[in-house]
C-alpha atoms as a PDB file:
ATOM      1  CA  MET A   1      26.975  85.347 -69.404  1.00  0.00           C
ATOM      2  CA  PHE A   2      26.470  82.720 -72.094  1.00  0.00           C
ATOM      3  CA  ASN A   3      22.994  81.200 -72.418  1.00  0.00           C
ATOM      4  CA  TYR A   4      23.492  77.444 -72.783  1.00  0.00           C
ATOM      5  CA  ASP A   5      19.759  76.874 -73.300  1.00  0.00           C
ATOM      6  CA  GLN A   6      19.977  78.249 -76.835  1.00  0.00           C
ATOM      7  CA  GLN A   7      23.434  77.058 -77.761  1.00  0.00           C
ATOM      8  CA  SER A   8      23.222  75.271 -81.106  1.00  0.00           C
ATOM      9  CA  PRO A   9      24.043  77.369 -84.160  1.00  0.00           C
ATOM     10  CA  PRO A  10      21.572  77.373 -87.043  1.00  0.00           C
ATOM     11  CA  GLU A  11      21.969  74.722 -89.746  1.00  0.00           C
ATOM     12  CA  THR A  12      23.162  77.444 -92.124  1.00  0.00           C
ATOM     13  CA  ALA A  13      25.898  78.610 -89.738  1.00  0.00           C
ATOM     14  CA  GLU A  14      29.276  79.312 -91.281  1.00  0.00           C
ATOM     15  CA  PHE A  15      32.133  76.821 -90.837  1.00  0.00           C
ATOM     16  CA  ILE A  16      35.378  78.492 -89.785  1.00  0.00           C
ATOM     17  CA  GLU A  17      38.848  77.283 -88.839  1.00  0.00           C
ATOM     18  CA  TRP A  18      39.918  77.693 -85.230  1.00  0.00           C
ATOM     19  CA  THR A  19      42.693  79.976 -86.511  1.00  0.00           C
ATOM     20  CA  ASP A  20      40.148  82.519 -87.801  1.00  0.00           C
ATOM     21  CA  PRO A  21      40.875  85.861 -86.054  1.00  0.00           C
ATOM     22  CA  ARG A  22      37.119  86.596 -85.829  1.00  0.00           C
ATOM     23  CA  LEU A  23      36.643  83.692 -83.399  1.00  0.00           C
ATOM     24  CA  ALA A  24      36.014  84.924 -79.859  1.00  0.00           C
ATOM     25  CA  ARG A  25      35.431  81.623 -78.067  1.00  0.00           C
ATOM     26  CA  VAL A  26      34.508  77.976 -78.279  1.00  0.00           C
ATOM     27  CA  TYR A  27      31.428  77.185 -76.242  1.00  0.00           C
ATOM     28  CA  ARG A  28      30.813  73.512 -77.002  1.00  0.00           C
ATOM     29  CA  LEU A  29      33.174  70.695 -77.997  1.00  0.00           C
ATOM     30  CA  ARG A  30      31.224  67.431 -78.219  1.00  0.00           C
ATOM     31  CA  LEU A  31      33.292  64.273 -77.686  1.00  0.00           C
ATOM     32  CA  LEU A  32      32.050  60.713 -78.244  1.00  0.00           C
ATOM     33  CA  SER A  33      33.536  57.341 -77.360  1.00  0.00           C
ATOM     34  CA  ASP A  34      32.803  53.797 -76.270  1.00  0.00           C
ATOM     35  CA  ARG A  35      33.997  52.243 -73.049  1.00  0.00           C
ATOM     36  CA  GLY A  36      37.410  50.667 -73.458  1.00  0.00           C
ATOM     37  CA  VAL A  37      38.374  52.858 -76.436  1.00  0.00           C
ATOM     38  CA  PRO A  38      41.410  54.986 -75.493  1.00  0.00           C
ATOM     39  CA  HIS A  39      40.367  58.136 -77.355  1.00  0.00           C
ATOM     40  CA  TRP A  40      37.486  60.563 -77.862  1.00  0.00           C
ATOM     41  CA  CYS A  41      36.098  61.283 -81.333  1.00  0.00           C
ATOM     42  CA  VAL A  42      35.192  64.904 -82.031  1.00  0.00           C
ATOM     43  CA  SER A  43      31.525  65.102 -82.999  1.00  0.00           C
ATOM     44  CA  TYR A  44      31.203  68.861 -83.380  1.00  0.00           C
ATOM     45  CA  CYS A  45      32.617  72.139 -82.178  1.00  0.00           C
ATOM     46  CA  TRP A  46      30.613  75.344 -81.869  1.00  0.00           C
ATOM     47  CA  GLY A  47      31.767  78.856 -81.158  1.00  0.00           C
ATOM     48  CA  LEU A  48      31.004  82.543 -81.227  1.00  0.00           C
ATOM     49  CA  LEU A  49      32.510  85.234 -83.377  1.00  0.00           C
ATOM     50  CA  LYS A  50      33.470  88.546 -81.807  1.00  0.00           C
ATOM     51  CA  ASP A  51      30.224  90.036 -83.158  1.00  0.00           C
ATOM     52  CA  GLY A  52      28.170  87.332 -81.383  1.00  0.00           C
ATOM     53  CA  THR A  53      27.431  85.193 -84.446  1.00  0.00           C
ATOM     54  CA  LYS A  54      27.267  81.447 -83.740  1.00  0.00           C
ATOM     55  CA  VAL A  55      29.533  79.351 -85.964  1.00  0.00           C
ATOM     56  CA  ARG A  56      30.665  75.789 -86.487  1.00  0.00           C
ATOM     57  CA  ILE A  57      34.388  75.297 -85.995  1.00  0.00           C
ATOM     58  CA  THR A  58      36.671  73.017 -87.977  1.00  0.00           C
ATOM     59  CA  LEU A  59      39.435  71.617 -85.779  1.00  0.00           C
ATOM     60  CA  PRO A  60      42.799  70.186 -86.909  1.00  0.00           C
ATOM     61  CA  PHE A  61      42.151  66.921 -85.051  1.00  0.00           C
ATOM     62  CA  GLU A  62      39.422  64.277 -85.191  1.00  0.00           C
ATOM     63  CA  THR A  63      40.325  62.411 -82.009  1.00  0.00           C
ATOM     64  CA  LEU A  64      41.703  63.261 -78.583  1.00  0.00           C
ATOM     65  CA  PRO A  65      43.203  60.916 -75.987  1.00  0.00           C
ATOM     66  CA  LYS A  66      41.129  60.149 -72.920  1.00  0.00           C
ATOM     67  CA  GLY A  67      42.330  61.119 -69.491  1.00  0.00           C
ATOM     68  CA  ARG A  68      44.865  63.630 -68.307  1.00  0.00           C
ATOM     69  CA  THR A  69      46.543  64.029 -71.685  1.00  0.00           C
ATOM     70  CA  MET A  70      43.446  65.340 -73.499  1.00  0.00           C
ATOM     71  CA  LYS A  71      44.004  69.009 -72.707  1.00  0.00           C
ATOM     72  CA  ALA A  72      47.740  68.627 -73.366  1.00  0.00           C
ATOM     73  CA  ALA A  73      46.905  67.341 -76.858  1.00  0.00           C
ATOM     74  CA  ILE A  74      44.654  70.363 -77.456  1.00  0.00           C
ATOM     75  CA  ILE A  75      47.401  72.732 -76.274  1.00  0.00           C
ATOM     76  CA  LYS A  76      49.966  71.018 -78.505  1.00  0.00           C
ATOM     77  CA  ALA A  77      47.725  71.365 -81.575  1.00  0.00           C
ATOM     78  CA  ALA A  78      46.944  74.969 -80.634  1.00  0.00           C
ATOM     79  CA  ASN A  79      50.624  75.842 -80.289  1.00  0.00           C
ATOM     80  CA  MET A  80      51.344  74.357 -83.717  1.00  0.00           C
ATOM     81  CA  ASP A  81      48.624  76.565 -85.250  1.00  0.00           C
ATOM     82  CA  ARG A  82      49.445  79.585 -83.053  1.00  0.00           C
ATOM     83  CA  VAL A  83      46.015  79.501 -81.457  1.00  0.00           C
ATOM     84  CA  PHE A  84      45.550  80.498 -77.810  1.00  0.00           C
ATOM     85  CA  ALA A  85      43.487  77.631 -76.387  1.00  0.00           C
ATOM     86  CA  LYS A  86      42.914  79.356 -73.057  1.00  0.00           C
ATOM     87  CA  ARG A  87      41.599  82.550 -74.696  1.00  0.00           C
ATOM     88  CA  LEU A  88      39.172  80.449 -76.759  1.00  0.00           C
ATOM     89  CA  MET A  89      37.936  78.770 -73.536  1.00  0.00           C
ATOM     90  CA  LEU A  90      39.181  75.348 -74.719  1.00  0.00           C
ATOM     91  CA  LEU A  91      40.662  74.604 -71.310  1.00  0.00           C
ATOM     92  CA  GLU A  92      37.412  75.205 -69.388  1.00  0.00           C
ATOM     93  CA  ASN A  93      35.626  72.040 -68.258  1.00  0.00           C
ATOM     94  CA  THR A  94      32.242  73.588 -69.109  1.00  0.00           C
ATOM     95  CA  THR A  95      33.234  73.719 -72.788  1.00  0.00           C
ATOM     96  CA  TYR A  96      33.205  69.929 -73.149  1.00  0.00           C
ATOM     97  CA  SER A  97      30.262  67.625 -73.635  1.00  0.00           C
ATOM     98  CA  PHE A  98      31.077  63.919 -73.289  1.00  0.00           C
ATOM     99  CA  LEU A  99      29.003  60.945 -74.415  1.00  0.00           C
ATOM    100  CA  GLN A 100      30.297  57.472 -73.603  1.00  0.00           C
END
């Protein structure tokens, strides 16, 4: 089970693309917005490599729509890059951290 108490990667953590085959899962996608703004801005994305190393993940999008279409937008981007969003845990509600 993942320990969320010690979740942030070190400042020197490697940046990888979400298409990197070493990536095992995303464990935190931080989304920021203001009330009345129709989209979320991606603040950061953290993940784990298959060997357990914490990494920072570079995503192909900077914003996501609010509401029901957010996960659909992630799936669309994932399909374009041939990334399996479900395998990376990007469809799990516990992966997201929202600040509004």
